[in-house]
Amino acid sequence: MDKSNLSAILTIIALGLNFVALCVVAYQTYLNRRSLNLAKQSIDEDRRTRQIELLPRAHFIFEVQYHLKKWLEDIEKTITELQDAFDSKNLDLLIKISEKALKSPEGLVDKFSYEKGPRWLSEIWLASAQYYYDFNIPLRDLWSDKRQEPFWDLAPDLIERGREHSYHISNLLGYIDQTVPESYAAAPASISDSKFLSD
């Protein structure tokens, strides 16, 4: 057998092995995709089960969502105002921002809802309140009534803190956004639930 025939045979064998390897990879890819689809179906089924179990207590979820969204809006608005005040050195706007700082964290989380709501939800609410308060409380230091002077150097740090805390609250909100089916959450509420029940 001459060298050209041997080279041709080896080439054919190599091509055959490559084809077999390609088939194996394709089959593995198919199995991986099938496995991922089965895992996704299992996760979706678990989520639907949890959603149905939570329906009787959905009002707690709506309340927490409301507060988290409200805090996010306030942080974003304050960041915009603070950036404008800093860029233009608008003292009146800086004082206005300083005056709306919270005096204490009391009341950010309703005690009854915190104690009666699902534990995981209560902890998300409390963690978000901590982020909101941690951003809000230093706003009062932007202006000193005693010295009658602004603290401009604090503004960039608070803007950065606001963006960071806004991200974390958004992240926490993401955990609860899908816990109640959209169709249930959007159900008309113009008539009291009791009106639908027979005597």
Protein backbone atom coordinates (compact mmCIF):
# COMPACT_ATOMS: atom_id res chain seq x y z
CA MET A 1 0.00 0.00 0.00
CA ASP A 2 1.50 3.28 -1.10
CA LYS A 3 1.56 6.46 0.96
CA SER A 4 -1.23 8.20 -0.99
CA ASN A 5 -3.66 5.32 -0.37
CA LEU A 6 -2.74 5.22 3.34
CA SER A 7 -3.21 8.99 3.60
CA ALA A 8 -6.63 8.73 1.93
CA ILE A 9 -7.70 5.93 4.29
CA LEU A 10 -6.54 7.86 7.35
CA THR A 11 -8.38 10.95 6.11
CA ILE A 12 -11.59 8.93 5.67
CA ILE A 13 -11.19 7.43 9.16
CA ALA A 14 -10.58 10.91 10.64
CA LEU A 15 -13.67 12.26 8.87
CA GLY A 16 -15.70 9.34 10.18
CA LEU A 17 -14.50 9.92 13.74
CA ASN A 18 -15.26 13.63 13.42
CA PHE A 19 -18.77 12.80 12.18
CA VAL A 20 -19.34 10.45 15.11
CA ALA A 21 -18.05 13.10 17.54
CA LEU A 22 -20.35 15.68 15.94
CA CYS A 23 -23.32 13.33 16.33
CA VAL A 24 -22.44 12.78 20.00
CA VAL A 25 -22.22 16.55 20.60
CA ALA A 26 -25.53 17.12 18.81
CA TYR A 27 -27.20 14.43 20.93
CA GLN A 28 -25.75 15.91 24.12
CA THR A 29 -27.04 19.34 23.06
CA TYR A 30 -30.49 17.84 22.50
CA LEU A 31 -30.44 16.19 25.93
CA ASN A 32 -29.28 19.42 27.61
CA ARG A 33 -32.02 21.42 25.91
CA ARG A 34 -34.61 18.82 26.89
CA SER A 35 -33.32 18.86 30.47
CA LEU A 36 -33.53 22.68 30.60
CA ASN A 37 -37.09 22.61 29.25
CA LEU A 38 -38.12 20.05 31.87
CA ALA A 39 -36.48 22.13 34.62
CA LYS A 40 -38.28 25.26 33.36
CA GLN A 41 -41.61 23.43 33.34
CA SER A 42 -40.99 22.25 36.90
CA ILE A 43 -40.12 25.79 38.05
CA ASP A 44 -43.23 27.20 36.32
CA GLU A 45 -45.43 24.57 37.97
CA ASP A 46 -43.91 25.30 41.39
CA ARG A 47 -44.48 29.02 40.86
CA ARG A 48 -48.12 28.47 39.88
CA THR A 49 -48.62 26.34 42.97
CA ARG A 50 -47.12 29.03 45.19
CA GLN A 51 -49.24 31.70 43.48
CA ILE A 52 -52.46 29.80 44.18
CA GLU A 53 -51.45 29.15 47.79
CA LEU A 54 -50.76 32.87 48.31
CA LEU A 55 -54.04 34.18 46.86
CA PRO A 56 -55.84 34.42 50.24
CA ARG A 57 -53.00 36.65 51.49
CA ALA A 58 -52.40 38.59 48.29
CA HIS A 59 -53.40 41.89 49.92
CA PHE A 60 -50.13 41.75 51.90
CA ILE A 61 -48.20 41.45 48.63
CA PHE A 62 -50.08 44.38 47.07
CA GLU A 63 -49.31 46.53 50.10
CA VAL A 64 -45.59 45.76 50.01
CA GLN A 65 -45.43 46.33 46.25
CA TYR A 66 -47.11 49.70 46.71
CA HIS A 67 -44.60 50.87 49.32
CA LEU A 68 -41.53 49.62 47.44
CA LYS A 69 -42.65 51.31 44.21
CA LYS A 70 -43.41 54.51 46.11
CA TRP A 71 -39.94 54.51 47.68
CA LEU A 72 -38.30 53.86 44.32
CA GLU A 73 -40.17 56.81 42.78
CA ASP A 74 -39.16 59.06 45.66
CA ILE A 75 -35.49 58.05 45.44
CA GLU A 76 -35.41 58.62 41.67
CA LYS A 77 -37.11 62.01 42.03
CA THR A 78 -34.73 63.06 44.82
CA ILE A 79 -31.68 61.96 42.81
CA THR A 80 -32.84 64.10 39.87
CA GLU A 81 -33.51 67.12 42.10
CA LEU A 82 -30.21 66.70 43.91
CA GLN A 83 -28.28 66.47 40.64
CA ASP A 84 -30.00 69.64 39.38
CA ALA A 85 -29.29 71.48 42.64
CA PHE A 86 -25.64 70.41 42.61
CA ASP A 87 -25.03 71.27 38.95
CA SER A 88 -26.66 74.72 39.20
CA LYS A 89 -25.69 75.35 42.85
CA ASN A 90 -29.37 76.06 43.49
CA LEU A 91 -29.41 76.74 47.23
CA ASP A 92 -33.21 76.97 47.51
CA LEU A 93 -33.64 73.53 45.94
CA LEU A 94 -30.93 72.06 48.16
CA ILE A 95 -32.68 73.40 51.28
CA LYS A 96 -36.00 72.01 50.03
CA ILE A 97 -34.44 68.56 49.57
CA SER A 98 -32.85 68.77 53.02
CA GLU A 99 -36.16 69.65 54.67
CA LYS A 100 -37.95 66.56 53.37
CA ALA A 101 -35.53 64.18 55.11
CA LEU A 102 -37.16 61.68 57.45
CA LYS A 103 -36.84 62.27 61.19
CA SER A 104 -36.95 58.56 62.10
CA PRO A 105 -37.65 55.17 60.50
CA GLU A 106 -40.82 54.68 62.55
CA GLY A 107 -43.88 54.00 60.43
CA LEU A 108 -42.10 52.94 57.25
CA VAL A 109 -43.32 49.37 57.86
CA ASP A 110 -46.81 48.69 59.20
CA LYS A 111 -46.45 46.50 62.30
CA PHE A 112 -49.67 44.52 61.79
CA SER A 113 -48.89 43.68 58.15
CA TYR A 114 -45.29 42.87 59.04
CA GLU A 115 -46.34 40.39 61.74
CA LYS A 116 -49.29 38.83 59.90
CA GLY A 117 -47.90 38.71 56.35
CA PRO A 118 -45.80 35.89 54.89
CA ARG A 119 -42.41 35.89 56.61
CA TRP A 120 -40.35 36.16 53.42
CA LEU A 121 -42.45 39.12 52.29
CA SER A 122 -42.11 40.91 55.63
CA GLU A 123 -38.32 40.58 55.46
CA ILE A 124 -38.23 41.98 51.91
CA TRP A 125 -40.35 44.92 53.10
CA LEU A 126 -38.09 45.57 56.08
CA ALA A 127 -34.88 45.31 54.04
CA SER A 128 -36.28 47.75 51.46
CA ALA A 129 -37.29 50.16 54.24
CA GLN A 130 -33.71 50.04 55.55
CA TYR A 131 -32.35 50.93 52.10
CA TYR A 132 -34.86 53.77 51.74
CA TYR A 133 -34.15 55.19 55.18
CA ASP A 134 -30.37 54.87 54.73
CA PHE A 135 -30.62 57.03 51.62
CA ASN A 136 -33.15 59.49 53.02
CA ILE A 137 -31.81 60.31 56.50
CA PRO A 138 -28.52 61.98 55.38
CA LEU A 139 -30.48 64.44 53.23
CA ARG A 140 -30.89 66.63 56.31
CA ASP A 141 -27.11 67.17 56.39
CA LEU A 142 -27.17 68.95 53.03
CA TRP A 143 -28.10 72.16 54.83
CA SER A 144 -27.12 73.31 58.31
CA ASP A 145 -29.66 75.63 59.95
CA LYS A 146 -27.21 76.29 62.75
CA ARG A 147 -24.36 77.41 60.50
CA GLN A 148 -26.64 78.62 57.70
CA GLU A 149 -24.52 76.95 55.04
CA PRO A 150 -24.83 74.12 52.51
CA PHE A 151 -22.78 70.92 52.38
CA TRP A 152 -22.34 70.62 48.61
CA ASP A 153 -19.68 67.91 48.80
CA LEU A 154 -22.23 65.50 50.26
CA ALA A 155 -24.48 65.66 47.19
CA PRO A 156 -22.45 63.38 44.84
CA ASP A 157 -22.14 60.73 47.56
CA LEU A 158 -25.89 60.78 48.17
CA ILE A 159 -26.61 60.56 44.43
CA GLU A 160 -24.40 57.49 44.20
CA ARG A 161 -25.97 55.98 47.32
CA GLY A 162 -29.44 56.63 45.91
CA ARG A 163 -28.63 54.82 42.68
CA GLU A 164 -27.18 51.86 44.57
CA HIS A 165 -30.11 51.61 47.00
CA SER A 166 -32.60 52.04 44.16
CA TYR A 167 -31.00 49.05 42.44
CA HIS A 168 -31.30 46.91 45.57
CA ILE A 169 -34.94 47.85 46.19
CA SER A 170 -35.75 47.11 42.53
CA ASN A 171 -34.05 43.76 42.92
CA LEU A 172 -36.10 42.94 46.01
CA LEU A 173 -39.27 44.08 44.24
CA GLY A 174 -38.45 41.67 41.43
CA TYR A 175 -38.74 38.75 43.86
CA ILE A 176 -42.39 39.52 44.56
CA ASP A 177 -43.62 40.84 41.20
CA GLN A 178 -44.59 37.36 39.97
CA THR A 179 -45.97 35.92 43.20
CA VAL A 180 -49.58 36.81 42.37
CA PRO A 181 -51.06 35.95 38.93
CA GLU A 182 -51.47 39.07 36.80
CA SER A 183 -55.11 38.24 36.00
CA TYR A 184 -55.93 38.01 39.71
CA ALA A 185 -54.14 41.26 40.53
CA ALA A 186 -56.01 43.06 37.72
CA ALA A 187 -59.47 41.78 38.72
CA PRO A 188 -62.04 44.63 38.95
CA ALA A 189 -62.54 45.78 42.54
CA SER A 190 -65.33 48.32 42.12
CA ILE A 191 -67.77 46.09 44.01
CA SER A 192 -67.16 44.61 47.45
CA ASP A 193 -66.30 40.89 47.44
CA SER A 194 -69.19 40.19 49.81
CA LYS A 195 -71.70 41.33 47.15
CA PHE A 196 -70.85 38.27 45.06
CA LEU A 197 -71.74 35.79 47.82
CA SER A 198 -75.20 34.28 48.31
CA ASP A 199 -76.96 34.39 51.68
